[in-house]
Amino acid sequence: MKLFGTGTSRIAHIACLVTALALGACAAQTQPSRFYVLEPLGTDARMAGPDPAAGPRLAIGPVKLPKHLGRTQMVVHRSGNRIDLLEFDRWGEELDENMTRVLTENLSLLVPTDRIAGYPWDRNIPIDYQVTVDVARLAVQTDRRVALIARWRIFDYRKRTLLVSGKSVASETAPGQGSDGVAAALSTGLAKVSRDIAAAVRGLKAGS
């Protein structure tokens, strides 16, 4: 019994030691994830014009992304057809929802209008125009260039008819190293898309 007990204790001691070493190795290899969000324009970007409280009633969305971007990890395009997932650099919310929120904030300043809602919106509120966005390309290159191609459409919400469509192309260089710069460059690219859409909305308003 004594020998058996001694062997059991040694085995248990070795098992604990192996477990501790394994946990230590995992801790050494694991790093905390970093989370990023896109940012809207500042209030200094507000366009001069009529009272925003009387602006057109806009509904923004849905914003559609390529399926490979429908994940929390940031995606980097390598050479050829290869993409890499940055496991520890992640979006703080679903990217399509983040883009919808930023577009909504940007357009409220650039049209300008306070009567604006992002997808999904309350179906009981009155709407003049619906803006949909289809992101054809969103590529983060290894040279820190961020390319954004977006096709957008503006519909008469009540008549369900297409009024105008357009394509926005933005290419921005990340202002700094790492994913902080990537998020900033994409925010700048989305601001360009916002300005193109806002100009089209103002044209509709002027022609109405």
C-alpha atoms as a PDB file:
ATOM      1  CA  MET A   1       0.000   0.000   0.000  1.00  0.00           C
ATOM      2  CA  LYS A   2       2.878   2.329   0.796  1.00  0.00           C
ATOM      3  CA  LEU A   3       4.559   1.757  -2.558  1.00  0.00           C
ATOM      4  CA  PHE A   4       1.283   2.134  -4.391  1.00  0.00           C
ATOM      5  CA  GLY A   5       0.532   5.364  -2.576  1.00  0.00           C
ATOM      6  CA  THR A   6       3.983   6.732  -3.286  1.00  0.00           C
ATOM      7  CA  GLY A   7       3.694   5.944  -7.002  1.00  0.00           C
ATOM      8  CA  THR A   8       0.264   7.537  -7.169  1.00  0.00           C
ATOM      9  CA  SER A   9       1.549  10.700  -5.533  1.00  0.00           C
ATOM     10  CA  ARG A  10       4.421  10.890  -7.999  1.00  0.00           C
ATOM     11  CA  ILE A  11       2.094  10.421 -10.935  1.00  0.00           C
ATOM     12  CA  ALA A  12      -0.235  13.097  -9.616  1.00  0.00           C
ATOM     13  CA  HIS A  13       2.716  15.440  -9.070  1.00  0.00           C
ATOM     14  CA  ILE A  14       3.984  14.868 -12.615  1.00  0.00           C
ATOM     15  CA  ALA A  15       0.484  15.385 -14.043  1.00  0.00           C
ATOM     16  CA  CYS A  16       0.151  18.683 -12.204  1.00  0.00           C
ATOM     17  CA  LEU A  17       3.571  19.781 -13.428  1.00  0.00           C
ATOM     18  CA  VAL A  18       2.728  18.946 -17.053  1.00  0.00           C
ATOM     19  CA  THR A  19      -0.591  20.795 -16.782  1.00  0.00           C
ATOM     20  CA  ALA A  20       1.105  23.867 -15.322  1.00  0.00           C
ATOM     21  CA  LEU A  21       3.708  23.888 -18.077  1.00  0.00           C
ATOM     22  CA  ALA A  22       1.004  23.533 -20.739  1.00  0.00           C
ATOM     23  CA  LEU A  23      -1.028  26.390 -19.275  1.00  0.00           C
ATOM     24  CA  GLY A  24       2.094  28.521 -19.067  1.00  0.00           C
ATOM     25  CA  ALA A  25       2.909  27.857 -22.723  1.00  0.00           C
ATOM     26  CA  CYS A  26      -0.630  28.780 -23.780  1.00  0.00           C
ATOM     27  CA  ALA A  27      -0.482  31.986 -21.765  1.00  0.00           C
ATOM     28  CA  ALA A  28       2.845  32.879 -23.379  1.00  0.00           C
ATOM     29  CA  GLN A  29       1.461  32.322 -26.895  1.00  0.00           C
ATOM     30  CA  THR A  30      -1.855  34.129 -26.396  1.00  0.00           C
ATOM     31  CA  GLN A  31      -2.120  37.887 -26.813  1.00  0.00           C
ATOM     32  CA  PRO A  32      -5.153  40.068 -26.169  1.00  0.00           C
ATOM     33  CA  SER A  33      -7.343  40.981 -29.122  1.00  0.00           C
ATOM     34  CA  ARG A  34      -7.533  44.592 -30.271  1.00  0.00           C
ATOM     35  CA  PHE A  35     -10.872  46.015 -31.386  1.00  0.00           C
ATOM     36  CA  TYR A  36     -11.506  48.824 -33.880  1.00  0.00           C
ATOM     37  CA  VAL A  37     -14.461  50.861 -35.129  1.00  0.00           C
ATOM     38  CA  LEU A  38     -14.979  53.287 -37.990  1.00  0.00           C
ATOM     39  CA  GLU A  39     -15.519  56.925 -37.094  1.00  0.00           C
ATOM     40  CA  PRO A  40     -17.948  59.452 -38.634  1.00  0.00           C
ATOM     41  CA  LEU A  41     -17.060  62.976 -39.690  1.00  0.00           C
ATOM     42  CA  GLY A  42     -16.827  65.667 -37.055  1.00  0.00           C
ATOM     43  CA  THR A  43     -19.542  68.256 -36.603  1.00  0.00           C
ATOM     44  CA  ASP A  44     -17.349  70.807 -38.408  1.00  0.00           C
ATOM     45  CA  ALA A  45     -18.233  68.957 -41.634  1.00  0.00           C
ATOM     46  CA  ARG A  46     -21.887  70.057 -41.416  1.00  0.00           C
ATOM     47  CA  MET A  47     -22.966  71.671 -44.682  1.00  0.00           C
ATOM     48  CA  ALA A  48     -24.505  75.112 -44.583  1.00  0.00           C
ATOM     49  CA  GLY A  49     -28.073  75.184 -45.784  1.00  0.00           C
ATOM     50  CA  PRO A  50     -31.701  74.999 -44.694  1.00  0.00           C
ATOM     51  CA  ASP A  51     -32.664  73.985 -41.187  1.00  0.00           C
ATOM     52  CA  PRO A  52     -31.700  70.286 -40.777  1.00  0.00           C
ATOM     53  CA  ALA A  53     -34.943  69.750 -38.900  1.00  0.00           C
ATOM     54  CA  ALA A  54     -36.727  70.360 -42.224  1.00  0.00           C
ATOM     55  CA  GLY A  55     -34.338  68.273 -44.337  1.00  0.00           C
ATOM     56  CA  PRO A  56     -35.371  65.285 -46.452  1.00  0.00           C
ATOM     57  CA  ARG A  57     -36.433  62.167 -44.580  1.00  0.00           C
ATOM     58  CA  LEU A  58     -33.759  59.544 -45.272  1.00  0.00           C
ATOM     59  CA  ALA A  59     -33.433  55.854 -44.512  1.00  0.00           C
ATOM     60  CA  ILE A  60     -29.899  54.453 -44.862  1.00  0.00           C
ATOM     61  CA  GLY A  61     -29.344  50.790 -45.687  1.00  0.00           C
ATOM     62  CA  PRO A  62     -29.026  48.003 -45.949  1.00  0.00           C
ATOM     63  CA  VAL A  63     -25.274  48.058 -46.537  1.00  0.00           C
ATOM     64  CA  LYS A  64     -24.130  44.812 -48.171  1.00  0.00           C
ATOM     65  CA  LEU A  65     -20.578  43.469 -47.927  1.00  0.00           C
ATOM     66  CA  PRO A  66     -18.780  40.623 -49.713  1.00  0.00           C
ATOM     67  CA  LYS A  67     -19.231  37.446 -47.682  1.00  0.00           C
ATOM     68  CA  HIS A  68     -15.529  37.119 -46.852  1.00  0.00           C
ATOM     69  CA  LEU A  69     -15.815  40.376 -44.891  1.00  0.00           C
ATOM     70  CA  GLY A  70     -18.713  39.131 -42.793  1.00  0.00           C
ATOM     71  CA  ARG A  71     -16.482  38.230 -39.849  1.00  0.00           C
ATOM     72  CA  THR A  72     -14.998  39.979 -36.849  1.00  0.00           C
ATOM     73  CA  GLN A  73     -11.371  39.587 -37.937  1.00  0.00           C
ATOM     74  CA  MET A  74      -9.788  42.226 -40.152  1.00  0.00           C
ATOM     75  CA  VAL A  75      -8.911  40.901 -43.602  1.00  0.00           C
ATOM     76  CA  VAL A  76      -5.653  41.706 -45.425  1.00  0.00           C
ATOM     77  CA  HIS A  77      -5.221  41.034 -49.152  1.00  0.00           C
ATOM     78  CA  ARG A  78      -1.905  39.447 -50.028  1.00  0.00           C
ATOM     79  CA  SER A  79      -0.580  38.835 -53.534  1.00  0.00           C
ATOM     80  CA  GLY A  80      -2.841  37.149 -56.046  1.00  0.00           C
ATOM     81  CA  ASN A  81      -6.058  35.706 -54.657  1.00  0.00           C
ATOM     82  CA  ARG A  82      -4.828  35.159 -51.105  1.00  0.00           C
ATOM     83  CA  ILE A  83      -6.312  36.834 -48.044  1.00  0.00           C
ATOM     84  CA  ASP A  84      -5.167  36.611 -44.432  1.00  0.00           C
ATOM     85  CA  LEU A  85      -7.266  36.987 -41.301  1.00  0.00           C
ATOM     86  CA  LEU A  86      -5.773  39.083 -38.507  1.00  0.00           C
ATOM     87  CA  GLU A  87      -6.822  36.942 -35.580  1.00  0.00           C
ATOM     88  CA  PHE A  88      -6.036  39.527 -32.915  1.00  0.00           C
ATOM     89  CA  ASP A  89      -7.185  42.650 -34.833  1.00  0.00           C
ATOM     90  CA  ARG A  90     -10.972  42.648 -34.876  1.00  0.00           C
ATOM     91  CA  TRP A  91     -13.896  44.934 -35.589  1.00  0.00           C
ATOM     92  CA  GLY A  92     -15.725  46.056 -32.475  1.00  0.00           C
ATOM     93  CA  GLU A  93     -19.102  45.430 -34.135  1.00  0.00           C
ATOM     94  CA  GLU A  94     -20.427  43.863 -37.315  1.00  0.00           C
ATOM     95  CA  LEU A  95     -18.757  45.811 -40.123  1.00  0.00           C
ATOM     96  CA  ASP A  96     -21.956  46.340 -42.131  1.00  0.00           C
ATOM     97  CA  GLU A  97     -23.665  47.755 -39.029  1.00  0.00           C
ATOM     98  CA  ASN A  98     -20.680  50.001 -38.286  1.00  0.00           C
ATOM     99  CA  MET A  99     -20.677  51.304 -41.870  1.00  0.00           C
ATOM    100  CA  THR A 100     -24.425  51.940 -41.747  1.00  0.00           C
ATOM    101  CA  ARG A 101     -24.066  53.920 -38.531  1.00  0.00           C
ATOM    102  CA  VAL A 102     -21.188  56.011 -39.923  1.00  0.00           C
ATOM    103  CA  LEU A 103     -22.989  56.684 -43.213  1.00  0.00           C
ATOM    104  CA  THR A 104     -26.066  57.781 -41.277  1.00  0.00           C
ATOM    105  CA  GLU A 105     -24.060  60.203 -39.148  1.00  0.00           C
ATOM    106  CA  ASN A 106     -22.120  61.533 -42.139  1.00  0.00           C
ATOM    107  CA  LEU A 107     -25.198  62.116 -44.286  1.00  0.00           C
ATOM    108  CA  SER A 108     -26.989  63.881 -41.451  1.00  0.00           C
ATOM    109  CA  LEU A 109     -24.171  66.467 -41.612  1.00  0.00           C
ATOM    110  CA  LEU A 110     -23.609  66.579 -45.361  1.00  0.00           C
ATOM    111  CA  VAL A 111     -27.202  66.802 -46.660  1.00  0.00           C
ATOM    112  CA  PRO A 112     -27.918  68.164 -43.947  1.00  0.00           C
ATOM    113  CA  THR A 113     -30.900  66.561 -42.231  1.00  0.00           C
ATOM    114  CA  ASP A 114     -31.916  65.508 -38.755  1.00  0.00           C
ATOM    115  CA  ARG A 115     -34.671  63.319 -40.168  1.00  0.00           C
ATOM    116  CA  ILE A 116     -32.569  60.247 -40.847  1.00  0.00           C
ATOM    117  CA  ALA A 117     -32.528  56.635 -39.706  1.00  0.00           C
ATOM    118  CA  GLY A 118     -30.210  53.681 -40.214  1.00  0.00           C
ATOM    119  CA  TYR A 119     -31.222  50.144 -41.156  1.00  0.00           C
ATOM    120  CA  PRO A 120     -33.307  48.595 -39.688  1.00  0.00           C
ATOM    121  CA  TRP A 121     -35.632  51.519 -39.016  1.00  0.00           C
ATOM    122  CA  ASP A 122     -39.105  51.873 -37.573  1.00  0.00           C
ATOM    123  CA  ARG A 123     -41.450  51.157 -40.485  1.00  0.00           C
ATOM    124  CA  ASN A 124     -43.998  53.591 -39.052  1.00  0.00           C
ATOM    125  CA  ILE A 125     -41.834  56.670 -39.577  1.00  0.00           C
ATOM    126  CA  PRO A 126     -42.358  58.614 -42.828  1.00  0.00           C
ATOM    127  CA  ILE A 127     -39.501  58.339 -45.347  1.00  0.00           C
ATOM    128  CA  ASP A 128     -38.810  60.234 -48.574  1.00  0.00           C
ATOM    129  CA  TYR A 129     -35.684  58.470 -49.849  1.00  0.00           C
ATOM    130  CA  GLN A 130     -33.984  55.159 -49.122  1.00  0.00           C
ATOM    131  CA  VAL A 131     -30.245  54.814 -49.752  1.00  0.00           C
ATOM    132  CA  THR A 132     -28.783  51.337 -50.266  1.00  0.00           C
ATOM    133  CA  VAL A 133     -25.076  50.572 -50.551  1.00  0.00           C
ATOM    134  CA  ASP A 134     -23.398  47.531 -52.090  1.00  0.00           C
ATOM    135  CA  VAL A 135     -19.686  47.342 -51.275  1.00  0.00           C
ATOM    136  CA  ALA A 136     -18.077  45.754 -54.323  1.00  0.00           C
ATOM    137  CA  ARG A 137     -14.534  45.889 -52.944  1.00  0.00           C
ATOM    138  CA  LEU A 138     -12.948  46.636 -49.614  1.00  0.00           C
ATOM    139  CA  ALA A 139      -9.292  45.653 -49.706  1.00  0.00           C
ATOM    140  CA  VAL A 140      -6.579  46.303 -47.169  1.00  0.00           C
ATOM    141  CA  GLN A 141      -3.249  45.868 -48.958  1.00  0.00           C
ATOM    142  CA  THR A 142       0.076  44.963 -47.400  1.00  0.00           C
ATOM    143  CA  ASP A 143       1.427  48.413 -48.395  1.00  0.00           C
ATOM    144  CA  ARG A 144      -1.201  49.987 -46.074  1.00  0.00           C
ATOM    145  CA  ARG A 145      -3.413  51.121 -48.964  1.00  0.00           C
ATOM    146  CA  VAL A 146      -7.131  50.769 -48.372  1.00  0.00           C
ATOM    147  CA  ALA A 147      -9.309  50.484 -51.496  1.00  0.00           C
ATOM    148  CA  LEU A 148     -13.074  50.952 -51.269  1.00  0.00           C
ATOM    149  CA  ILE A 149     -15.522  50.614 -54.152  1.00  0.00           C
ATOM    150  CA  ALA A 150     -19.193  51.128 -53.340  1.00  0.00           C
ATOM    151  CA  ARG A 151     -22.253  51.154 -55.594  1.00  0.00           C
ATOM    152  CA  TRP A 152     -25.171  53.039 -54.142  1.00  0.00           C
ATOM    153  CA  ARG A 153     -28.771  53.674 -55.090  1.00  0.00           C
ATOM    154  CA  ILE A 154     -31.355  56.220 -53.996  1.00  0.00           C
ATOM    155  CA  PHE A 155     -35.009  55.200 -54.166  1.00  0.00           C
ATOM    156  CA  ASP A 156     -38.254  57.089 -53.860  1.00  0.00           C
ATOM    157  CA  TYR A 157     -39.433  55.206 -50.800  1.00  0.00           C
ATOM    158  CA  ARG A 158     -43.150  55.680 -51.312  1.00  0.00           C
ATOM    159  CA  LYS A 159     -43.198  54.930 -55.047  1.00  0.00           C
ATOM    160  CA  ARG A 160     -40.537  52.190 -54.788  1.00  0.00           C
ATOM    161  CA  THR A 161     -38.754  53.596 -57.821  1.00  0.00           C
ATOM    162  CA  LEU A 162     -35.049  54.102 -58.457  1.00  0.00           C
ATOM    163  CA  LEU A 163     -34.181  57.787 -58.717  1.00  0.00           C
ATOM    164  CA  VAL A 164     -30.409  57.790 -59.095  1.00  0.00           C
ATOM    165  CA  SER A 165     -27.479  55.406 -58.763  1.00  0.00           C
ATOM    166  CA  GLY A 166     -23.752  55.945 -58.548  1.00  0.00           C
ATOM    167  CA  LYS A 167     -20.378  54.410 -57.911  1.00  0.00           C
ATOM    168  CA  SER A 168     -17.813  55.761 -55.456  1.00  0.00           C
ATOM    169  CA  VAL A 169     -14.144  54.804 -55.566  1.00  0.00           C
ATOM    170  CA  ALA A 170     -11.768  55.678 -52.737  1.00  0.00           C
ATOM    171  CA  SER A 171      -8.114  54.779 -52.245  1.00  0.00           C
ATOM    172  CA  GLU A 172      -6.505  55.888 -49.017  1.00  0.00           C
ATOM    173  CA  THR A 173      -3.129  55.334 -47.389  1.00  0.00           C
ATOM    174  CA  ALA A 174      -3.260  54.388 -43.732  1.00  0.00           C
ATOM    175  CA  PRO A 175      -1.916  57.350 -41.743  1.00  0.00           C
ATOM    176  CA  GLY A 176       0.023  55.107 -39.384  1.00  0.00           C
ATOM    177  CA  GLN A 177       1.292  51.604 -38.865  1.00  0.00           C
ATOM    178  CA  GLY A 178      -0.960  48.802 -37.743  1.00  0.00           C
ATOM    179  CA  SER A 179      -4.709  48.412 -37.779  1.00  0.00           C
ATOM    180  CA  ASP A 180      -5.325  51.808 -36.174  1.00  0.00           C
ATOM    181  CA  GLY A 181      -4.246  53.362 -39.464  1.00  0.00           C
ATOM    182  CA  VAL A 182      -6.363  50.922 -41.460  1.00  0.00           C
ATOM    183  CA  ALA A 183      -9.520  51.859 -39.536  1.00  0.00           C
ATOM    184  CA  ALA A 184      -8.722  55.564 -40.003  1.00  0.00           C
ATOM    185  CA  ALA A 185      -8.129  55.135 -43.760  1.00  0.00           C
ATOM    186  CA  LEU A 186     -11.386  53.228 -44.189  1.00  0.00           C
ATOM    187  CA  SER A 187     -13.235  55.936 -42.258  1.00  0.00           C
ATOM    188  CA  THR A 188     -11.797  58.499 -44.709  1.00  0.00           C
ATOM    189  CA  GLY A 189     -12.827  56.365 -47.687  1.00  0.00           C
ATOM    190  CA  LEU A 190     -16.350  56.034 -46.299  1.00  0.00           C
ATOM    191  CA  ALA A 191     -16.467  59.817 -45.895  1.00  0.00           C
ATOM    192  CA  LYS A 192     -15.868  60.133 -49.658  1.00  0.00           C
ATOM    193  CA  VAL A 193     -18.734  57.729 -50.351  1.00  0.00           C
ATOM    194  CA  SER A 194     -20.892  59.803 -48.001  1.00  0.00           C
ATOM    195  CA  ARG A 195     -20.076  63.031 -49.858  1.00  0.00           C
ATOM    196  CA  ASP A 196     -20.984  61.470 -53.210  1.00  0.00           C
ATOM    197  CA  ILE A 197     -24.328  60.254 -51.880  1.00  0.00           C
ATOM    198  CA  ALA A 198     -25.051  63.556 -50.145  1.00  0.00           C
ATOM    199  CA  ALA A 199     -24.448  65.495 -53.366  1.00  0.00           C
ATOM    200  CA  ALA A 200     -26.939  63.236 -55.168  1.00  0.00           C
ATOM    201  CA  VAL A 201     -29.534  63.696 -52.416  1.00  0.00           C
ATOM    202  CA  ARG A 202     -29.123  67.474 -52.499  1.00  0.00           C
ATOM    203  CA  GLY A 203     -29.592  67.351 -56.270  1.00  0.00           C
ATOM    204  CA  LEU A 204     -32.861  65.483 -55.857  1.00  0.00           C
ATOM    205  CA  LYS A 205     -34.043  67.983 -53.294  1.00  0.00           C
ATOM    206  CA  ALA A 206     -33.133  70.904 -55.556  1.00  0.00           C
ATOM    207  CA  GLY A 207     -34.936  69.305 -58.491  1.00  0.00           C
ATOM    208  CA  SER A 208     -38.096  68.429 -56.595  1.00  0.00           C
END
